[in-house]
């Protein structure tokens, strides 16, 4: 069974502009474009000069076709000095790491997209010792999870079901609500450890 109410499960809030920040770094994936554009509009109305020190790193949802193209046009139309689009999440994360290494005091980080994407971004942000006052994140899009196997230490991506077969050791894992920020993943434990072969019904729960 899934264990709910665990305090390690992240809680997200709608993004808001922090006009007191000197530099603004925005990362988004897919439908995360919406919240980022909303923050850009807030900044335009409250402190338009901040847009000169704003940078956007974005991975569009290739499955959306024309909608993704529309998102690109909206970012281009926004008065932002630097907007970069990436074909893959790893490419974006590589640039994010480089950008953070060059960032100055007063930088604010905004992240919007599926939780799995947010977790990977946060993992790098923690490596650079960004504190909670410097980071804002809004979850949107798929609820699919990254699941870490506590038995073989492999990570299975895009998990939508309550149990999943580990990509490495082939065990059936129960997807728990216990979340590790260090690993950017939910914990998966062997579902039939006590009664081999007896598994709960497979259900899609993270859509």
N, C-alpha and C. Protein backbone atom coordinates (compact mmCIF):
# COMPACT_ATOMS: atom_id res chain seq x y z
N UNK A 1 0.83 -1.21 0.00
CA UNK A 1 0.00 0.00 0.00
C UNK A 1 0.87 1.25 0.00
N UNK A 2 0.36 2.31 -0.66
CA UNK A 2 1.05 3.59 -0.61
C UNK A 2 0.91 4.16 0.79
N UNK A 3 1.95 4.81 1.26
CA UNK A 3 1.93 5.43 2.58
C UNK A 3 1.80 6.94 2.38
N UNK A 4 0.71 7.52 2.80
CA UNK A 4 0.48 8.94 2.58
C UNK A 4 0.79 9.74 3.83
N UNK A 5 0.86 11.05 3.66
CA UNK A 5 1.09 11.93 4.79
C UNK A 5 2.53 12.00 5.25
N UNK A 6 3.46 11.44 4.48
CA UNK A 6 4.86 11.46 4.86
C UNK A 6 5.42 12.86 4.65
N UNK A 7 6.11 13.40 5.65
CA UNK A 7 6.54 14.79 5.59
C UNK A 7 7.60 15.05 4.52
N UNK A 8 8.30 14.03 4.05
CA UNK A 8 9.34 14.24 3.06
C UNK A 8 8.75 14.51 1.67
N UNK A 9 7.46 14.23 1.50
CA UNK A 9 6.85 14.49 0.19
C UNK A 9 6.80 16.00 -0.05
N UNK A 10 7.38 16.47 -1.17
CA UNK A 10 7.44 17.92 -1.41
C UNK A 10 6.05 18.56 -1.53
N UNK A 11 5.98 19.81 -1.08
CA UNK A 11 4.78 20.63 -1.22
C UNK A 11 5.15 21.85 -2.05
N UNK A 12 4.37 22.13 -3.09
CA UNK A 12 4.69 23.23 -3.99
C UNK A 12 3.63 24.32 -3.90
N UNK A 13 4.02 25.52 -4.29
CA UNK A 13 3.10 26.66 -4.28
C UNK A 13 3.22 27.38 -5.62
N UNK A 14 2.19 28.13 -6.02
CA UNK A 14 2.27 28.87 -7.28
C UNK A 14 3.47 29.82 -7.28
N UNK A 15 4.14 29.92 -8.42
CA UNK A 15 5.28 30.82 -8.54
C UNK A 15 4.87 32.27 -8.39
N UNK A 16 5.71 33.03 -7.74
CA UNK A 16 5.53 34.47 -7.64
C UNK A 16 6.86 35.16 -7.89
N UNK A 17 6.81 36.32 -8.50
CA UNK A 17 8.04 37.07 -8.77
C UNK A 17 8.62 37.62 -7.48
N UNK A 18 9.93 37.55 -7.36
CA UNK A 18 10.64 38.17 -6.24
C UNK A 18 11.40 39.37 -6.80
N UNK A 19 10.80 40.53 -6.73
CA UNK A 19 11.40 41.72 -7.35
C UNK A 19 12.61 42.22 -6.58
N UNK A 20 12.87 41.63 -5.41
CA UNK A 20 14.04 42.02 -4.63
C UNK A 20 15.30 41.29 -5.10
N UNK A 21 15.11 40.26 -5.92
CA UNK A 21 16.27 39.56 -6.46
C UNK A 21 16.96 40.41 -7.53
N UNK A 22 18.26 40.25 -7.65
CA UNK A 22 19.00 41.02 -8.65
C UNK A 22 19.09 40.29 -9.98
N UNK A 23 19.08 38.95 -9.93
CA UNK A 23 19.16 38.14 -11.13
C UNK A 23 18.09 37.05 -11.04
N UNK A 24 17.49 36.70 -12.17
CA UNK A 24 16.37 35.76 -12.17
C UNK A 24 16.64 34.65 -13.19
N UNK A 25 16.75 33.43 -12.70
CA UNK A 25 17.00 32.27 -13.54
C UNK A 25 15.76 31.39 -13.53
N UNK A 26 15.18 31.17 -14.72
CA UNK A 26 13.92 30.43 -14.83
C UNK A 26 14.11 29.16 -15.64
N UNK A 27 13.66 28.03 -15.08
CA UNK A 27 13.76 26.75 -15.76
C UNK A 27 12.36 26.15 -15.90
N UNK A 28 12.03 25.68 -17.09
CA UNK A 28 10.71 25.11 -17.29
C UNK A 28 10.71 23.93 -18.23
N UNK A 29 9.68 23.10 -18.10
CA UNK A 29 9.48 21.97 -18.99
C UNK A 29 8.01 21.90 -19.37
N UNK A 30 7.74 21.78 -20.66
CA UNK A 30 6.37 21.60 -21.13
C UNK A 30 5.43 22.68 -20.66
N UNK A 31 4.36 22.27 -19.97
CA UNK A 31 3.35 23.22 -19.51
C UNK A 31 3.91 24.17 -18.45
N UNK A 32 5.13 23.93 -18.00
CA UNK A 32 5.78 24.86 -17.08
C UNK A 32 6.00 26.23 -17.70
N UNK A 33 5.85 26.32 -19.02
CA UNK A 33 5.97 27.63 -19.68
C UNK A 33 4.96 28.62 -19.13
N UNK A 34 3.75 28.14 -18.84
CA UNK A 34 2.69 29.03 -18.36
C UNK A 34 3.06 29.77 -17.09
N UNK A 35 3.45 29.06 -16.02
CA UNK A 35 3.84 29.74 -14.79
C UNK A 35 5.02 30.69 -14.98
N UNK A 36 6.00 30.30 -15.82
CA UNK A 36 7.15 31.18 -16.03
C UNK A 36 6.73 32.47 -16.73
N UNK A 37 5.87 32.35 -17.72
CA UNK A 37 5.38 33.53 -18.43
C UNK A 37 4.55 34.42 -17.50
N UNK A 38 3.84 33.80 -16.57
CA UNK A 38 3.07 34.57 -15.59
C UNK A 38 3.99 35.39 -14.70
N UNK A 39 5.10 34.79 -14.28
CA UNK A 39 6.07 35.50 -13.44
C UNK A 39 6.73 36.63 -14.23
N UNK A 40 7.03 36.36 -15.50
CA UNK A 40 7.62 37.40 -16.34
C UNK A 40 6.67 38.59 -16.46
N UNK A 41 5.39 38.32 -16.59
CA UNK A 41 4.41 39.40 -16.67
C UNK A 41 4.34 40.17 -15.35
N UNK A 42 4.41 39.47 -14.23
CA UNK A 42 4.44 40.14 -12.92
C UNK A 42 5.65 41.06 -12.82
N UNK A 43 6.78 40.57 -13.28
CA UNK A 43 8.00 41.38 -13.24
C UNK A 43 7.88 42.59 -14.17
N UNK A 44 7.27 42.39 -15.32
CA UNK A 44 7.10 43.50 -16.26
C UNK A 44 6.28 44.62 -15.64
N UNK A 45 5.26 44.24 -14.86
CA UNK A 45 4.38 45.23 -14.25
C UNK A 45 4.98 45.88 -13.01
N UNK A 46 5.78 45.11 -12.25
CA UNK A 46 6.28 45.62 -10.97
C UNK A 46 7.72 46.14 -11.04
N UNK A 47 8.53 45.54 -11.89
CA UNK A 47 9.94 45.94 -11.97
C UNK A 47 10.50 45.52 -13.33
N UNK A 48 10.11 46.25 -14.36
CA UNK A 48 10.45 45.88 -15.74
C UNK A 48 11.96 45.78 -15.96
N UNK A 49 12.74 46.55 -15.23
CA UNK A 49 14.19 46.51 -15.41
C UNK A 49 14.76 45.15 -15.06
N UNK A 50 14.05 44.37 -14.23
CA UNK A 50 14.53 43.05 -13.82
C UNK A 50 14.63 42.09 -15.00
N UNK A 51 13.85 42.34 -16.05
CA UNK A 51 13.85 41.44 -17.20
C UNK A 51 15.19 41.46 -17.93
N UNK A 52 15.97 42.53 -17.75
CA UNK A 52 17.29 42.57 -18.37
C UNK A 52 18.25 41.59 -17.70
N UNK A 53 17.94 41.21 -16.48
CA UNK A 53 18.77 40.26 -15.74
C UNK A 53 18.06 38.93 -15.54
N UNK A 54 17.21 38.58 -16.51
CA UNK A 54 16.43 37.34 -16.44
C UNK A 54 16.88 36.39 -17.55
N UNK A 55 17.00 35.12 -17.19
CA UNK A 55 17.40 34.10 -18.16
C UNK A 55 16.45 32.93 -18.07
N UNK A 56 16.00 32.43 -19.21
CA UNK A 56 15.06 31.31 -19.26
C UNK A 56 15.72 30.13 -19.96
N UNK A 57 15.69 28.95 -19.31
CA UNK A 57 16.11 27.69 -19.89
C UNK A 57 14.87 26.81 -19.97
N UNK A 58 14.55 26.28 -21.15
CA UNK A 58 13.25 25.65 -21.34
C UNK A 58 13.33 24.43 -22.25
N UNK A 59 12.61 23.37 -21.85
CA UNK A 59 12.43 22.18 -22.69
C UNK A 59 10.96 22.09 -23.06
N UNK A 60 10.61 22.26 -24.33
CA UNK A 60 9.19 22.18 -24.72
C UNK A 60 8.68 20.75 -24.69
N UNK A 61 7.37 20.61 -24.64
CA UNK A 61 6.73 19.30 -24.72
C UNK A 61 6.58 18.96 -26.19
N UNK A 62 7.47 18.11 -26.69
CA UNK A 62 7.46 17.78 -28.12
C UNK A 62 6.16 17.14 -28.57
N UNK A 63 5.46 16.54 -27.62
CA UNK A 63 4.21 15.88 -27.97
C UNK A 63 3.08 16.85 -28.26
N UNK A 64 3.27 18.13 -27.89
CA UNK A 64 2.20 19.10 -28.09
C UNK A 64 2.20 19.74 -29.46
N UNK A 65 3.24 19.50 -30.25
CA UNK A 65 3.28 20.02 -31.61
C UNK A 65 3.13 21.52 -31.68
N UNK A 66 2.01 22.01 -32.30
CA UNK A 66 1.79 23.45 -32.46
C UNK A 66 1.80 24.20 -31.14
N UNK A 67 1.33 23.57 -30.05
CA UNK A 67 1.32 24.24 -28.75
C UNK A 67 2.74 24.56 -28.31
N UNK A 68 3.67 23.64 -28.56
CA UNK A 68 5.06 23.89 -28.19
C UNK A 68 5.63 25.05 -28.98
N UNK A 69 5.28 25.11 -30.28
CA UNK A 69 5.75 26.23 -31.10
C UNK A 69 5.21 27.54 -30.57
N UNK A 70 3.94 27.54 -30.11
CA UNK A 70 3.34 28.74 -29.54
C UNK A 70 4.07 29.19 -28.30
N UNK A 71 4.52 28.25 -27.49
CA UNK A 71 5.27 28.59 -26.28
C UNK A 71 6.58 29.27 -26.64
N UNK A 72 7.24 28.79 -27.65
CA UNK A 72 8.50 29.41 -28.09
C UNK A 72 8.27 30.85 -28.51
N UNK A 73 7.20 31.08 -29.24
CA UNK A 73 6.90 32.44 -29.69
C UNK A 73 6.58 33.36 -28.52
N UNK A 74 5.91 32.83 -27.51
CA UNK A 74 5.55 33.65 -26.35
C UNK A 74 6.80 34.04 -25.57
N UNK A 75 7.75 33.13 -25.42
CA UNK A 75 8.99 33.48 -24.74
C UNK A 75 9.79 34.50 -25.56
N UNK A 76 9.80 34.33 -26.88
CA UNK A 76 10.52 35.26 -27.73
C UNK A 76 9.91 36.65 -27.66
N UNK A 77 8.58 36.70 -27.57
CA UNK A 77 7.89 37.98 -27.50
C UNK A 77 8.08 38.68 -26.16
N UNK A 78 8.36 37.91 -25.10
CA UNK A 78 8.58 38.51 -23.78
C UNK A 78 9.89 39.29 -23.79
N UNK A 79 9.92 40.35 -23.03
CA UNK A 79 11.10 41.22 -23.01
C UNK A 79 12.18 40.64 -22.10
N UNK A 80 12.67 39.46 -22.44
CA UNK A 80 13.70 38.78 -21.67
C UNK A 80 14.98 38.75 -22.48
N UNK A 81 16.09 39.07 -21.83
CA UNK A 81 17.36 39.17 -22.54
C UNK A 81 17.85 37.83 -23.08
N UNK A 82 17.66 36.76 -22.29
CA UNK A 82 18.24 35.47 -22.67
C UNK A 82 17.20 34.36 -22.55
N UNK A 83 16.87 33.71 -23.65
CA UNK A 83 15.95 32.57 -23.66
C UNK A 83 16.63 31.44 -24.45
N UNK A 84 16.82 30.28 -23.80
CA UNK A 84 17.42 29.13 -24.47
C UNK A 84 16.46 27.95 -24.43
N UNK A 85 16.31 27.31 -25.58
CA UNK A 85 15.47 26.11 -25.67
C UNK A 85 16.37 24.90 -25.86
N UNK A 86 16.01 23.79 -25.21
CA UNK A 86 16.81 22.58 -25.27
C UNK A 86 15.95 21.41 -25.75
N UNK A 87 16.59 20.47 -26.44
CA UNK A 87 15.87 19.31 -26.96
C UNK A 87 15.61 18.27 -25.88
N UNK A 88 16.48 18.23 -24.86
CA UNK A 88 16.35 17.21 -23.82
C UNK A 88 16.57 17.82 -22.43
N UNK A 89 16.07 17.12 -21.42
CA UNK A 89 16.28 17.57 -20.04
C UNK A 89 17.76 17.50 -19.66
N UNK A 90 18.50 16.43 -19.99
CA UNK A 90 19.93 16.42 -19.64
C UNK A 90 20.70 17.60 -20.21
N UNK A 91 20.36 18.02 -21.43
CA UNK A 91 21.04 19.17 -22.03
C UNK A 91 20.74 20.44 -21.24
N UNK A 92 19.48 20.60 -20.83
CA UNK A 92 19.12 21.76 -20.03
C UNK A 92 19.86 21.74 -18.69
N UNK A 93 19.90 20.58 -18.04
CA UNK A 93 20.53 20.48 -16.73
C UNK A 93 22.03 20.75 -16.81
N UNK A 94 22.65 20.35 -17.90
CA UNK A 94 24.07 20.63 -18.07
C UNK A 94 24.31 22.13 -18.15
N UNK A 95 23.46 22.83 -18.92
CA UNK A 95 23.59 24.28 -19.01
C UNK A 95 23.26 24.95 -17.67
N UNK A 96 22.27 24.40 -16.98
CA UNK A 96 21.89 24.94 -15.67
C UNK A 96 23.07 24.87 -14.71
N UNK A 97 23.76 23.75 -14.70
CA UNK A 97 24.90 23.60 -13.81
C UNK A 97 25.98 24.64 -14.15
N UNK A 98 26.23 24.82 -15.43
CA UNK A 98 27.23 25.81 -15.86
C UNK A 98 26.79 27.22 -15.46
N UNK A 99 25.51 27.51 -15.66
CA UNK A 99 24.99 28.84 -15.34
C UNK A 99 25.08 29.12 -13.85
N UNK A 100 24.73 28.14 -13.03
CA UNK A 100 24.81 28.32 -11.58
C UNK A 100 26.26 28.58 -11.15
N UNK A 101 27.19 27.92 -11.80
CA UNK A 101 28.59 28.10 -11.45
C UNK A 101 29.08 29.51 -11.73
N UNK A 102 28.35 30.22 -12.62
CA UNK A 102 28.73 31.58 -12.97
C UNK A 102 27.81 32.62 -12.33
N UNK A 103 26.84 32.17 -11.55
CA UNK A 103 25.85 33.08 -10.98
C UNK A 103 26.43 33.92 -9.85
N UNK A 104 25.80 35.06 -9.63
CA UNK A 104 26.24 35.99 -8.59
C UNK A 104 25.25 36.00 -7.44
N UNK A 105 25.66 36.60 -6.33
CA UNK A 105 24.77 36.75 -5.19
C UNK A 105 23.52 37.53 -5.62
N UNK A 106 22.39 37.16 -5.04
CA UNK A 106 21.15 37.84 -5.39
C UNK A 106 20.37 37.15 -6.49
N UNK A 107 20.82 35.94 -6.89
CA UNK A 107 20.11 35.19 -7.93
C UNK A 107 18.90 34.48 -7.34
N UNK A 108 17.79 34.53 -8.05
CA UNK A 108 16.58 33.82 -7.67
C UNK A 108 16.27 32.76 -8.72
N UNK A 109 15.90 31.57 -8.26
CA UNK A 109 15.63 30.45 -9.16
C UNK A 109 14.15 30.15 -9.16
N UNK A 110 13.57 30.05 -10.37
CA UNK A 110 12.17 29.69 -10.54
C UNK A 110 12.11 28.43 -11.39
N UNK A 111 11.35 27.43 -10.94
CA UNK A 111 11.26 26.16 -11.65
C UNK A 111 9.79 25.79 -11.82
N UNK A 112 9.41 25.37 -13.03
CA UNK A 112 8.02 24.97 -13.28
C UNK A 112 7.99 23.79 -14.23
N UNK A 113 7.19 22.78 -13.87
CA UNK A 113 7.07 21.59 -14.70
C UNK A 113 6.68 20.40 -13.85
N UNK A 114 6.77 19.20 -14.40
CA UNK A 114 6.44 17.99 -13.63
C UNK A 114 7.39 17.83 -12.44
N UNK A 115 6.93 17.13 -11.42
CA UNK A 115 7.72 16.97 -10.21
C UNK A 115 9.06 16.29 -10.48
N UNK A 116 9.09 15.34 -11.41
CA UNK A 116 10.35 14.66 -11.71
C UNK A 116 11.39 15.65 -12.24
N UNK A 117 10.94 16.61 -13.05
CA UNK A 117 11.83 17.65 -13.58
C UNK A 117 12.28 18.58 -12.46
N UNK A 118 11.34 19.01 -11.63
CA UNK A 118 11.68 19.89 -10.50
C UNK A 118 12.72 19.23 -9.61
N UNK A 119 12.54 17.95 -9.33
CA UNK A 119 13.47 17.25 -8.45
C UNK A 119 14.89 17.24 -8.98
N UNK A 120 15.06 17.04 -10.29
CA UNK A 120 16.40 17.02 -10.88
C UNK A 120 17.05 18.40 -10.80
N UNK A 121 16.23 19.44 -11.00
CA UNK A 121 16.74 20.81 -10.89
C UNK A 121 17.15 21.10 -9.45
N UNK A 122 16.28 20.73 -8.50
CA UNK A 122 16.56 20.99 -7.09
C UNK A 122 17.82 20.26 -6.62
N UNK A 123 18.03 19.08 -7.14
CA UNK A 123 19.22 18.29 -6.77
C UNK A 123 20.49 19.08 -7.08
N UNK A 124 20.53 19.71 -8.24
CA UNK A 124 21.70 20.51 -8.62
C UNK A 124 21.75 21.79 -7.80
N UNK A 125 20.59 22.41 -7.57
CA UNK A 125 20.55 23.64 -6.78
C UNK A 125 21.11 23.40 -5.38
N UNK A 126 20.81 22.24 -4.80
CA UNK A 126 21.31 21.92 -3.47
C UNK A 126 22.83 21.74 -3.47
N UNK A 127 23.35 21.22 -4.57
CA UNK A 127 24.80 21.06 -4.69
C UNK A 127 25.51 22.41 -4.64
N UNK A 128 24.81 23.45 -5.11
CA UNK A 128 25.38 24.79 -5.11
C UNK A 128 24.95 25.60 -3.88
N UNK A 129 24.31 24.90 -2.93
CA UNK A 129 23.95 25.51 -1.64
C UNK A 129 22.96 26.66 -1.76
N UNK A 130 22.06 26.63 -2.74
CA UNK A 130 20.98 27.61 -2.77
C UNK A 130 20.04 27.32 -1.62
N UNK A 131 19.57 28.35 -0.95
CA UNK A 131 18.67 28.13 0.18
C UNK A 131 17.22 28.30 -0.25
N UNK A 132 16.29 27.97 0.65
CA UNK A 132 14.88 27.95 0.31
C UNK A 132 14.34 29.33 -0.05
N UNK A 133 14.99 30.40 0.43
CA UNK A 133 14.54 31.74 0.10
C UNK A 133 14.93 32.16 -1.31
N UNK A 134 15.82 31.39 -1.92
CA UNK A 134 16.29 31.72 -3.27
C UNK A 134 15.62 30.88 -4.35
N UNK A 135 14.79 29.90 -3.94
CA UNK A 135 14.20 28.95 -4.89
C UNK A 135 12.68 28.97 -4.80
N UNK A 136 12.03 28.95 -5.96
CA UNK A 136 10.58 28.82 -6.02
C UNK A 136 10.24 27.77 -7.07
N UNK A 137 9.28 26.90 -6.76
CA UNK A 137 8.94 25.83 -7.69
C UNK A 137 7.43 25.63 -7.75
N UNK A 138 6.92 25.41 -8.95
CA UNK A 138 5.49 25.13 -9.15
C UNK A 138 5.35 23.84 -9.96
N UNK A 139 4.62 22.91 -9.40
CA UNK A 139 4.40 21.62 -10.07
C UNK A 139 3.24 21.73 -11.05
N UNK A 140 3.45 21.26 -12.26
CA UNK A 140 2.38 21.21 -13.26
C UNK A 140 2.73 20.14 -14.30
N UNK A 141 1.72 19.59 -14.91
CA UNK A 141 1.95 18.52 -15.88
C UNK A 141 1.80 17.15 -15.25
N UNK A 142 2.43 16.16 -15.83
CA UNK A 142 2.29 14.78 -15.37
C UNK A 142 2.77 14.59 -13.94
N UNK A 143 2.12 13.66 -13.23
CA UNK A 143 2.51 13.31 -11.86
C UNK A 143 3.43 12.09 -11.83
N UNK A 144 3.86 11.63 -13.00
CA UNK A 144 4.75 10.46 -13.08
C UNK A 144 5.98 10.67 -12.22
N UNK A 145 6.45 9.60 -11.57
CA UNK A 145 7.53 9.71 -10.59
C UNK A 145 8.84 9.06 -11.05
N UNK A 146 9.94 9.55 -10.50
CA UNK A 146 11.22 8.85 -10.56
C UNK A 146 11.27 7.97 -9.33
N UNK A 147 11.58 6.69 -9.51
CA UNK A 147 11.56 5.75 -8.39
C UNK A 147 12.93 5.12 -8.22
N UNK A 148 13.46 5.24 -6.99
CA UNK A 148 14.78 4.72 -6.65
C UNK A 148 14.63 3.37 -5.97
N UNK A 149 15.27 2.36 -6.52
CA UNK A 149 15.22 1.02 -5.94
C UNK A 149 16.20 0.94 -4.77
N UNK A 150 15.70 0.69 -3.58
CA UNK A 150 16.58 0.63 -2.41
C UNK A 150 17.42 -0.64 -2.39
N UNK A 151 17.13 -1.57 -3.29
CA UNK A 151 17.84 -2.85 -3.32
C UNK A 151 19.06 -2.82 -4.23
N UNK A 152 18.92 -2.22 -5.42
CA UNK A 152 20.06 -2.19 -6.36
C UNK A 152 20.52 -0.78 -6.69
N UNK A 153 19.78 0.24 -6.18
CA UNK A 153 20.14 1.66 -6.33
C UNK A 153 19.96 2.19 -7.75
N UNK A 154 19.18 1.50 -8.56
CA UNK A 154 18.86 2.00 -9.90
C UNK A 154 17.63 2.91 -9.81
N UNK A 155 17.46 3.78 -10.79
CA UNK A 155 16.32 4.69 -10.83
C UNK A 155 15.47 4.40 -12.06
N UNK A 156 14.19 4.22 -11.85
CA UNK A 156 13.24 3.99 -12.93
C UNK A 156 12.47 5.28 -13.18
N UNK A 157 12.43 5.70 -14.43
CA UNK A 157 11.82 6.99 -14.79
C UNK A 157 10.36 6.84 -15.20
N UNK A 158 9.62 7.95 -15.07
CA UNK A 158 8.25 8.07 -15.59
C UNK A 158 7.31 6.96 -15.10
N UNK A 159 7.31 6.73 -13.81
CA UNK A 159 6.47 5.69 -13.22
C UNK A 159 5.08 6.25 -12.94
N UNK A 160 4.06 5.60 -13.46
CA UNK A 160 2.68 6.06 -13.29
C UNK A 160 1.85 5.10 -12.45
N UNK A 161 2.43 3.97 -12.07
CA UNK A 161 1.67 2.92 -11.38
C UNK A 161 2.12 2.75 -9.94
N UNK A 162 1.25 2.10 -9.14
CA UNK A 162 1.55 1.91 -7.72
C UNK A 162 2.69 0.93 -7.47
N UNK A 163 2.90 -0.01 -8.39
CA UNK A 163 4.07 -0.89 -8.35
C UNK A 163 4.72 -0.85 -9.72
N UNK A 164 6.03 -1.06 -9.74
CA UNK A 164 6.77 -0.99 -11.01
C UNK A 164 7.93 -1.98 -10.95
N UNK A 165 8.25 -2.55 -12.10
CA UNK A 165 9.39 -3.46 -12.15
C UNK A 165 10.68 -2.65 -12.32
N UNK A 166 11.64 -2.86 -11.44
CA UNK A 166 12.89 -2.11 -11.49
C UNK A 166 13.61 -2.35 -12.81
N UNK A 167 14.13 -1.28 -13.41
CA UNK A 167 14.80 -1.40 -14.71
C UNK A 167 16.12 -2.16 -14.61
N UNK A 168 16.64 -2.31 -13.40
CA UNK A 168 17.94 -2.97 -13.24
C UNK A 168 17.83 -4.38 -12.66
N UNK A 169 17.27 -4.50 -11.46
CA UNK A 169 17.27 -5.80 -10.79
C UNK A 169 16.00 -6.61 -11.06
N UNK A 170 15.02 -6.02 -11.73
CA UNK A 170 13.79 -6.72 -12.14
C UNK A 170 12.84 -7.01 -10.99
N UNK A 171 13.11 -6.50 -9.79
CA UNK A 171 12.17 -6.68 -8.68
C UNK A 171 10.93 -5.83 -8.90
N UNK A 172 9.80 -6.28 -8.39
CA UNK A 172 8.60 -5.46 -8.35
C UNK A 172 8.69 -4.56 -7.13
N UNK A 173 8.60 -3.26 -7.38
CA UNK A 173 8.76 -2.28 -6.31
C UNK A 173 7.44 -1.60 -5.98
N UNK A 174 7.18 -1.44 -4.69
CA UNK A 174 6.07 -0.63 -4.23
C UNK A 174 6.54 0.82 -4.20
N UNK A 175 5.81 1.71 -4.86
CA UNK A 175 6.18 3.12 -4.94
C UNK A 175 5.66 3.84 -3.70
N UNK A 176 6.58 4.28 -2.85
CA UNK A 176 6.19 4.95 -1.61
C UNK A 176 6.15 6.46 -1.80
N UNK A 177 5.56 7.14 -0.82
CA UNK A 177 5.52 8.60 -0.83
C UNK A 177 6.78 9.20 -0.22
N UNK A 178 7.66 8.36 0.30
CA UNK A 178 8.90 8.87 0.89
C UNK A 178 9.80 9.38 -0.22
N UNK A 179 10.17 10.67 -0.15
CA UNK A 179 10.92 11.33 -1.22
C UNK A 179 12.30 11.75 -0.72
N UNK A 180 13.32 11.52 -1.53
CA UNK A 180 14.68 11.95 -1.21
C UNK A 180 15.07 13.11 -2.11
N UNK A 181 15.32 14.28 -1.51
CA UNK A 181 15.78 15.42 -2.30
C UNK A 181 17.18 15.18 -2.84
N UNK A 182 17.99 14.45 -2.09
CA UNK A 182 19.36 14.16 -2.54
C UNK A 182 19.35 13.32 -3.81
N UNK A 183 18.41 12.37 -3.89
CA UNK A 183 18.33 11.48 -5.04
C UNK A 183 17.32 11.97 -6.08
N UNK A 184 16.49 12.95 -5.70
CA UNK A 184 15.43 13.46 -6.58
C UNK A 184 14.51 12.32 -7.03
N UNK A 185 14.12 11.48 -6.07
CA UNK A 185 13.30 10.32 -6.42
C UNK A 185 12.51 9.83 -5.21
N UNK A 186 11.44 9.10 -5.50
CA UNK A 186 10.67 8.42 -4.46
C UNK A 186 11.27 7.04 -4.24
N UNK A 187 11.13 6.54 -3.02
CA UNK A 187 11.69 5.24 -2.69
C UNK A 187 10.81 4.10 -3.17
N UNK A 188 11.45 3.08 -3.72
CA UNK A 188 10.75 1.87 -4.13
C UNK A 188 11.26 0.68 -3.34
N UNK A 189 10.36 -0.06 -2.71
CA UNK A 189 10.74 -1.23 -1.91
C UNK A 189 10.09 -2.48 -2.50
N UNK A 190 10.75 -3.59 -2.33
CA UNK A 190 10.26 -4.84 -2.91
C UNK A 190 8.84 -5.13 -2.43
N UNK A 191 7.92 -5.26 -3.38
CA UNK A 191 6.50 -5.37 -3.04
C UNK A 191 6.12 -6.74 -2.51
N UNK A 192 6.86 -7.78 -2.88
CA UNK A 192 6.49 -9.13 -2.45
C UNK A 192 7.60 -9.79 -1.63
N UNK A 193 8.31 -8.97 -0.85
CA UNK A 193 9.43 -9.51 -0.07
C UNK A 193 8.98 -10.56 0.93
N UNK A 194 7.85 -10.34 1.58
CA UNK A 194 7.37 -11.26 2.61
C UNK A 194 6.56 -12.42 2.04
N UNK A 195 5.96 -12.19 0.88
CA UNK A 195 5.16 -13.25 0.24
C UNK A 195 5.49 -13.26 -1.25
N UNK A 196 6.59 -13.93 -1.63
CA UNK A 196 7.04 -13.94 -3.02
C UNK A 196 5.93 -14.30 -4.00
N UNK A 197 5.79 -13.47 -5.03
CA UNK A 197 4.78 -13.71 -6.06
C UNK A 197 3.42 -13.12 -5.76
N UNK A 198 3.19 -12.67 -4.53
CA UNK A 198 1.91 -12.06 -4.18
C UNK A 198 2.03 -10.54 -4.29
N UNK A 199 1.41 -10.01 -5.33
CA UNK A 199 1.52 -8.58 -5.61
C UNK A 199 0.15 -7.90 -5.55
N UNK A 200 0.12 -6.64 -5.15
CA UNK A 200 -1.15 -5.91 -5.20
C UNK A 200 -1.54 -5.65 -6.64
N UNK A 201 -2.82 -5.39 -6.91
CA UNK A 201 -3.23 -5.08 -8.29
C UNK A 201 -2.47 -3.88 -8.85
N UNK A 202 -2.07 -3.98 -10.09
CA UNK A 202 -1.36 -2.88 -10.75
C UNK A 202 -2.36 -1.79 -11.13
N UNK A 203 -2.13 -0.58 -10.64
CA UNK A 203 -3.06 0.52 -10.92
C UNK A 203 -2.29 1.78 -11.33
N UNK A 204 -2.85 2.52 -12.27
CA UNK A 204 -2.28 3.81 -12.64
C UNK A 204 -2.76 4.84 -11.62
N UNK A 205 -1.83 5.40 -10.88
CA UNK A 205 -2.20 6.38 -9.82
C UNK A 205 -1.48 7.70 -9.97
N UNK A 206 -0.43 7.76 -10.79
CA UNK A 206 0.33 9.00 -10.97
C UNK A 206 0.21 9.44 -12.43
N UNK A 207 -0.91 10.09 -12.75
CA UNK A 207 -1.22 10.42 -14.14
C UNK A 207 -0.76 11.82 -14.51
